[in-house]
Amino acid sequence: MLNKISGYFLYLFSVLVFRTCRYTITGFEQIEELVNSRKPVIVTSWHGMTMMVLGTMRRYYDPDTVAIFFPDDSSGEALAEFVRLLGMDPTLINLEGDPSLDMSRKLLRVIRKIKSGKNTLIHPDGPKGPAYIVKPGLTAIAKMTGASIIPLGCYCRHSYHIPRWDRYTLPLPFSKVHIQIGPPLTIPKDSDDLRETNQYLENLLNRISLQAAANYYEL
């Protein structure tokens, strides 16, 4: 019950943010064709930018076409309620246990959702860090599903940063949020070693996050 209440208040705050904040977006021309094609995509950013990313996704995708994945714990339950109230499809995944035994099952649930036509948001440094480091799950999922990755960098000066590993950003109502969209990335299914791809994505997310901050003050 407490988790549902927390999710409800997070939802109310997000609605206030989405309705009152002024979003400026650069780079949309890079993904316009992809968005219009309605092919499933994986939107990605650093974990602390989730609130700003969800506000952007609501602009381009119907909520009922979006599936979001959370750890199956108390924080995940609250976030799942929050996403459910947004009209999106929350899926809880148990992230505990021996990864050599369980990871394939967890990935299979994600892959099935995407192949069924769902768009999704996956943070490559989530769910518990380390921050700003791309872990291999995102690119592996993109490779297996054929879904293109849309990278986002976000910045909001007037915001509250939760003091934890990802410095989770909560934009203040009536503030300005800038989104920098990076070039989409599609990973061929015959790719063998994704380490270079992961490093490229990590550098790209860092670069467009800095660009979002620079554009914030120029636009």
Protein backbone atom coordinates (compact mmCIF):
# COMPACT_ATOMS: atom_id res chain seq x y z
CA MET A 1 0.00 0.00 0.00
CA LEU A 2 2.80 2.43 0.93
CA ASN A 3 4.52 1.77 -2.40
CA LYS A 4 1.32 2.53 -4.29
CA ILE A 5 0.89 5.78 -2.37
CA SER A 6 4.49 6.74 -3.18
CA GLY A 7 3.90 5.93 -6.84
CA TYR A 8 0.72 8.02 -6.83
CA PHE A 9 2.46 11.11 -5.43
CA LEU A 10 5.31 10.66 -7.92
CA TYR A 11 2.69 10.54 -10.67
CA LEU A 12 1.05 13.76 -9.44
CA PHE A 13 4.42 15.49 -9.36
CA SER A 14 5.27 14.26 -12.86
CA VAL A 15 1.97 15.55 -14.27
CA LEU A 16 2.71 18.97 -12.77
CA VAL A 17 6.20 18.88 -14.31
CA PHE A 18 5.02 17.68 -17.73
CA ARG A 19 2.28 20.34 -17.91
CA THR A 20 4.24 23.32 -16.65
CA CYS A 21 7.83 22.79 -17.78
CA ARG A 22 8.99 24.18 -21.11
CA TYR A 23 10.74 21.51 -23.15
CA THR A 24 13.21 22.49 -25.88
CA ILE A 25 14.48 19.68 -28.09
CA THR A 26 17.31 19.54 -30.60
CA GLY A 27 18.28 16.70 -32.90
CA PHE A 28 14.78 15.39 -33.64
CA GLU A 29 15.52 15.40 -37.38
CA GLN A 30 17.89 12.47 -36.75
CA ILE A 31 15.07 10.22 -35.57
CA GLU A 32 12.00 11.68 -37.32
CA GLU A 33 11.83 8.92 -39.91
CA LEU A 34 12.31 6.27 -37.26
CA VAL A 35 9.55 7.70 -35.05
CA ASN A 36 7.15 7.97 -37.98
CA SER A 37 7.84 4.36 -38.99
CA ARG A 38 6.36 3.19 -35.66
CA LYS A 39 8.97 0.45 -35.42
CA PRO A 40 9.80 -0.49 -31.81
CA VAL A 41 12.70 1.49 -30.35
CA ILE A 42 14.76 1.47 -27.18
CA VAL A 43 15.11 4.96 -25.74
CA THR A 44 18.14 5.37 -23.52
CA SER A 45 19.79 7.94 -21.27
CA TRP A 46 21.69 7.97 -18.01
CA HIS A 47 19.55 6.75 -15.12
CA GLY A 48 19.26 10.07 -13.30
CA MET A 49 17.47 11.63 -16.28
CA THR A 50 14.41 9.35 -16.16
CA MET A 51 11.82 12.01 -15.31
CA MET A 52 12.94 14.24 -18.16
CA VAL A 53 13.08 11.33 -20.62
CA LEU A 54 9.54 10.18 -19.80
CA GLY A 55 8.27 13.68 -20.51
CA THR A 56 9.94 13.49 -23.92
CA MET A 57 8.61 10.03 -24.74
CA ARG A 58 5.07 11.19 -24.02
CA ARG A 59 5.45 13.69 -26.85
CA TYR A 60 6.29 11.12 -29.52
CA TYR A 61 4.77 7.81 -28.40
CA ASP A 62 1.35 6.78 -27.15
CA PRO A 63 1.74 5.66 -23.52
CA ASP A 64 0.12 2.28 -24.20
CA THR A 65 2.92 1.46 -26.68
CA VAL A 66 5.62 1.89 -24.02
CA ALA A 67 6.87 -0.82 -21.64
CA ILE A 68 9.16 0.10 -18.73
CA PHE A 69 11.15 -2.42 -16.69
CA PHE A 70 11.89 -2.13 -12.97
CA PRO A 71 13.61 -4.24 -10.31
CA ASP A 72 11.18 -6.40 -8.38
CA ASP A 73 11.66 -4.68 -5.02
CA SER A 74 10.01 -1.93 -2.96
CA SER A 75 11.38 0.91 -5.10
CA GLY A 76 10.39 -0.94 -8.25
CA GLU A 77 6.83 -1.41 -6.99
CA ALA A 78 6.45 2.33 -6.38
CA LEU A 79 7.88 3.16 -9.81
CA ALA A 80 5.65 0.55 -11.45
CA GLU A 81 2.58 2.22 -9.95
CA PHE A 82 3.85 5.59 -11.20
CA VAL A 83 4.29 4.26 -14.75
CA ARG A 84 0.95 2.46 -14.66
CA LEU A 85 -0.79 5.74 -13.85
CA LEU A 86 1.00 7.31 -16.83
CA GLY A 87 -0.71 4.71 -18.99
CA MET A 88 2.47 2.76 -19.74
CA ASP A 89 3.14 -0.94 -19.25
CA PRO A 90 5.32 -1.61 -16.16
CA THR A 91 7.12 -4.93 -15.87
CA LEU A 92 8.87 -6.01 -12.67
CA ILE A 93 11.95 -8.20 -13.09
CA ASN A 94 13.77 -9.95 -10.25
CA LEU A 95 17.37 -8.77 -10.49
CA GLU A 96 18.65 -10.89 -7.62
CA GLY A 97 20.20 -14.31 -7.87
CA ASP A 98 22.89 -15.98 -9.94
CA PRO A 99 23.11 -14.13 -13.27
CA SER A 100 24.51 -17.19 -15.01
CA LEU A 101 21.22 -19.00 -14.32
CA ASP A 102 18.66 -16.20 -14.37
CA MET A 103 19.82 -13.57 -16.86
CA SER A 104 18.57 -15.38 -19.97
CA ARG A 105 15.05 -15.57 -18.50
CA LYS A 106 15.09 -11.90 -17.58
CA LEU A 107 16.29 -10.87 -21.02
CA LEU A 108 13.67 -13.09 -22.66
CA ARG A 109 10.84 -11.16 -20.96
CA VAL A 110 12.26 -7.88 -22.20
CA ILE A 111 12.84 -9.23 -25.71
CA ARG A 112 9.28 -10.57 -25.98
CA LYS A 113 7.84 -7.18 -25.04
CA ILE A 114 9.89 -5.38 -27.67
CA LYS A 115 9.22 -7.95 -30.38
CA SER A 116 5.49 -7.63 -29.66
CA GLY A 117 5.76 -3.99 -30.73
CA LYS A 118 6.45 -2.20 -27.45
CA ASN A 119 8.84 0.72 -27.22
CA THR A 120 10.89 0.81 -24.06
CA LEU A 121 13.25 2.85 -21.94
CA ILE A 122 16.43 1.17 -20.72
CA HIS A 123 19.15 2.96 -18.76
CA PRO A 124 22.54 1.31 -19.40
CA ASP A 125 23.88 2.34 -15.97
CA GLY A 126 20.81 1.16 -14.05
CA PRO A 127 19.31 0.01 -11.85
CA LYS A 128 21.97 0.62 -9.19
CA GLY A 129 25.04 1.91 -11.00
CA PRO A 130 27.84 2.60 -11.30
CA ALA A 131 26.73 5.88 -12.82
CA TYR A 132 27.64 6.80 -16.40
CA ILE A 133 29.00 3.36 -17.24
CA VAL A 134 27.32 1.36 -20.01
CA LYS A 135 26.69 -2.22 -18.97
CA PRO A 136 26.22 -4.88 -21.67
CA GLY A 137 22.48 -5.59 -21.29
CA LEU A 138 21.14 -2.74 -23.44
CA THR A 139 23.19 -3.45 -26.55
CA ALA A 140 22.60 -7.20 -26.22
CA ILE A 141 18.83 -6.61 -26.19
CA ALA A 142 19.05 -4.23 -29.14
CA LYS A 143 21.03 -6.82 -31.10
CA MET A 144 18.57 -9.64 -30.38
CA THR A 145 15.44 -7.60 -31.14
CA GLY A 146 16.68 -5.46 -34.01
CA ALA A 147 15.23 -2.39 -32.26
CA SER A 148 17.07 0.87 -32.82
CA ILE A 149 18.52 2.70 -29.82
CA ILE A 150 17.57 6.38 -29.46
CA PRO A 151 20.04 8.13 -27.10
CA LEU A 152 18.97 11.21 -25.15
CA GLY A 153 20.88 13.77 -23.12
CA CYS A 154 18.88 15.96 -20.72
CA TYR A 155 19.50 19.04 -18.63
CA CYS A 156 17.46 21.21 -16.26
CA ARG A 157 19.09 23.94 -14.20
CA HIS A 158 16.17 24.52 -11.84
CA SER A 159 15.80 21.05 -10.38
CA TYR A 160 16.31 18.97 -7.27
CA HIS A 161 18.93 16.21 -7.34
CA ILE A 162 18.21 13.28 -5.07
CA PRO A 163 21.48 12.62 -3.15
CA ARG A 164 22.17 9.08 -4.33
CA TRP A 165 24.40 7.34 -6.87
CA ASP A 166 22.68 8.68 -10.02
CA ARG A 167 21.84 12.21 -8.75
CA TYR A 168 18.27 11.61 -9.93
CA THR A 169 16.93 14.87 -11.37
CA LEU A 170 13.48 16.17 -10.46
CA PRO A 171 12.78 19.28 -12.57
CA LEU A 172 10.98 21.97 -10.64
CA PRO A 173 7.56 22.99 -11.99
CA PHE A 174 7.59 25.86 -14.52
CA SER A 175 11.29 25.31 -15.27
CA LYS A 176 12.99 24.77 -18.62
CA VAL A 177 14.17 21.32 -19.72
CA HIS A 178 16.44 20.80 -22.70
CA ILE A 179 16.69 17.49 -24.54
CA GLN A 180 19.49 16.66 -26.95
CA ILE A 181 18.72 13.69 -29.22
CA GLY A 182 21.68 11.74 -30.54
CA PRO A 183 21.98 9.67 -33.71
CA PRO A 184 20.06 6.38 -33.54
CA LEU A 185 22.04 3.19 -33.28
CA THR A 186 21.08 -0.17 -34.81
CA ILE A 187 23.21 -3.18 -33.94
CA PRO A 188 23.54 -5.92 -36.60
CA LYS A 189 22.52 -9.36 -35.41
CA ASP A 190 25.83 -10.81 -36.60
CA SER A 191 27.84 -8.55 -34.27
CA ASP A 192 30.07 -10.75 -32.13
CA ASP A 193 31.86 -8.41 -29.73
CA LEU A 194 29.80 -5.51 -28.36
CA ARG A 195 32.53 -3.97 -26.21
CA GLU A 196 33.36 -1.32 -28.81
CA THR A 197 29.66 -0.60 -29.27
CA ASN A 198 29.21 -0.18 -25.51
CA GLN A 199 32.14 2.23 -25.36
CA TYR A 200 30.77 4.19 -28.32
CA LEU A 201 27.37 4.46 -26.63
CA GLU A 202 28.95 5.53 -23.34
CA ASN A 203 30.92 8.28 -25.08
CA LEU A 204 27.84 9.33 -27.04
CA LEU A 205 25.64 9.63 -23.95
CA ASN A 206 28.29 11.69 -22.20
CA ARG A 207 28.69 13.94 -25.23
CA ILE A 208 25.00 14.63 -25.79
CA SER A 209 24.44 15.17 -22.06
CA LEU A 210 27.07 17.92 -22.16
CA GLN A 211 25.51 19.27 -25.36
CA ALA A 212 22.10 19.40 -23.68
CA ALA A 213 23.57 21.55 -20.92
CA ALA A 214 25.27 23.84 -23.44
CA ASN A 215 22.12 24.21 -25.54
CA TYR A 216 20.07 24.96 -22.43
CA TYR A 217 21.83 28.29 -22.05
CA GLU A 218 21.91 29.12 -25.77
CA LEU A 219 18.31 28.44 -26.84
